[in-house]
Protein backbone atom coordinates (compact mmCIF):
# COMPACT_ATOMS: atom_id res chain seq x y z
CA MET A 1 -7.16 -13.61 22.03
CA PRO A 2 -4.44 -11.20 23.15
CA GLY A 3 -4.77 -7.53 22.27
CA VAL A 4 -2.82 -5.87 19.49
CA SER A 5 0.33 -4.09 20.56
CA SER A 6 0.25 -0.33 20.03
CA GLN A 7 3.73 -0.37 18.46
CA PRO A 8 2.65 -1.56 14.97
CA ILE A 9 -0.31 0.82 15.11
CA ARG A 10 1.99 3.77 15.79
CA LEU A 11 4.32 2.67 12.97
CA TRP A 12 1.45 2.53 10.48
CA LEU A 13 0.02 5.86 11.63
CA ASP A 14 3.46 7.41 11.14
CA ARG A 15 3.97 5.86 7.69
CA LEU A 16 0.51 6.73 6.39
CA SER A 17 0.59 10.27 7.76
CA LYS A 18 3.91 10.96 6.01
CA ARG A 19 2.50 9.57 2.76
CA LEU A 20 -0.60 11.77 3.05
CA VAL A 21 1.57 14.86 3.49
CA GLN A 22 3.67 13.94 0.43
CA HIS A 23 0.57 13.36 -1.72
CA ARG A 24 -0.87 16.70 -0.63
CA LEU A 25 2.39 18.53 -1.34
CA ASN A 26 2.82 16.79 -4.72
CA ARG A 27 -0.59 18.19 -5.68
CA ASN A 28 0.48 21.62 -4.41
CA LEU A 29 -2.46 21.81 -1.98
CA THR A 30 -2.51 23.63 1.33
CA GLN A 31 -4.00 21.91 4.36
CA GLU A 32 -6.95 24.29 4.10
CA GLU A 33 -7.59 23.40 0.44
CA LEU A 34 -7.38 19.65 1.00
CA ALA A 35 -9.52 19.81 4.13
CA ARG A 36 -12.21 21.74 2.24
CA ALA A 37 -12.09 19.24 -0.66
CA ALA A 38 -12.36 16.32 1.80
CA GLY A 39 -15.17 17.93 3.81
CA ILE A 40 -13.22 17.89 7.07
CA SER A 41 -11.73 20.61 9.25
CA ARG A 42 -8.13 21.78 8.82
CA ARG A 43 -7.45 20.64 12.40
CA THR A 44 -8.67 17.12 11.57
CA LEU A 45 -6.38 17.02 8.54
CA ALA A 46 -3.50 18.25 10.71
CA ARG A 47 -4.20 15.38 13.13
CA LEU A 48 -4.15 12.90 10.24
CA GLU A 49 -0.89 14.32 8.95
CA ASN A 50 0.65 14.18 12.43
CA GLY A 51 -0.24 10.50 12.82
CA GLU A 52 -2.78 11.16 15.56
CA PRO A 53 -5.83 8.90 15.81
CA THR A 54 -8.95 10.11 14.03
CA GLN A 55 -12.11 8.60 12.59
CA LEU A 56 -11.80 6.19 9.69
CA GLU A 57 -14.30 8.26 7.70
CA ASN A 58 -11.96 11.28 7.83
CA PHE A 59 -9.10 9.16 6.52
CA LEU A 60 -11.28 7.83 3.69
CA ARG A 61 -12.52 11.33 2.79
CA THR A 62 -8.93 12.51 2.55
CA LEU A 63 -7.87 9.58 0.36
CA ILE A 64 -10.79 10.22 -1.99
CA ALA A 65 -10.02 13.96 -2.16
CA LEU A 66 -6.44 13.03 -3.14
CA ASP A 67 -7.75 10.59 -5.81
CA LEU A 68 -6.22 7.63 -3.96
CA GLU A 69 -9.36 5.52 -3.58
CA ASP A 70 -8.10 2.95 -6.11
CA GLY A 71 -5.71 1.69 -3.44
CA LEU A 72 -8.56 0.98 -1.01
CA GLU A 73 -9.45 -2.28 -2.77
CA ARG A 74 -5.96 -3.58 -2.04
CA LEU A 75 -6.13 -2.40 1.56
CA VAL A 76 -8.81 -4.93 2.52
CA PRO A 77 -9.31 -7.29 -0.43
CA ASP A 78 -12.62 -9.02 -1.07
CA VAL A 79 -12.67 -12.56 0.36
CA PRO A 80 -14.26 -15.17 -1.87
CA GLN A 81 -16.25 -17.94 -0.26
CA SER A 82 -14.80 -21.40 -0.50
CA PRO A 83 -16.85 -23.87 -2.59
CA ILE A 84 -17.70 -25.78 0.60
CA GLN A 85 -19.07 -22.62 2.26
CA GLN A 86 -21.11 -21.85 -0.86
CA LEU A 87 -22.69 -25.30 -0.74
CA GLU A 88 -23.34 -25.18 3.00
CA ARG A 89 -24.89 -21.73 2.85
CA SER A 90 -26.68 -22.10 -0.49
CA GLY A 91 -24.85 -19.05 -1.83
CA GLN A 92 -25.56 -16.79 1.19
CA THR A 93 -22.68 -14.86 2.72
CA ARG A 94 -21.77 -15.20 6.40
CA LYS A 95 -23.20 -12.61 8.75
CA ARG A 96 -21.63 -13.77 12.04
CA ALA A 97 -18.63 -15.60 13.40
CA THR A 98 -19.32 -18.69 15.44
CA GLY A 99 -16.69 -17.77 17.99
CA ARG A 100 -14.23 -20.03 19.66
CA ARG A 101 -15.49 -22.54 22.17
CA LYS A 102 -13.71 -22.73 25.49
CA SER A 103 -11.86 -25.93 26.22
CA ARG A 104 -12.63 -27.75 29.45
CA SER A 105 -9.45 -26.38 31.02
CA GLU A 106 -10.59 -22.79 30.23
CA GLN A 107 -14.04 -23.15 31.77
CA SER A 108 -14.29 -21.37 35.10
CA GLU A 109 -16.46 -23.95 36.87
CA PRO A 110 -16.58 -27.70 36.35
CA TRP A 111 -19.75 -29.02 34.74
CA SER A 112 -22.39 -30.52 37.05
CA TRP A 113 -26.02 -31.72 36.92
CA ASN A 114 -27.04 -29.04 39.45
CA ASP A 115 -28.96 -31.64 41.43
CA GLU A 116 -26.72 -31.41 44.46
CA SER A 117 -28.17 -29.58 47.43
């Protein structure tokens, strides 16, 4: 699977950081006040607001401090199991992905019985 381009990541970091700043300003909070309420440093909040990478926990703490956690459910919605999966797994949820098997053309070495000397 090819890697994700950094361009959409940068766009989302920019969008979300601008929205965080607007929410903070709409609540008339300084960076220091919001950082204290979120339990993070002012520098970490400044990084978030500048669109710089930071830990997901810091982002979540900031959203909760701004009373924006209701939107988190829409961010990554719950995925219901299909009826077939429920039957196959007897109601248990999946814990692992099976992965993608390599096709014969992708295998590095051709298959053999290993009995050749």
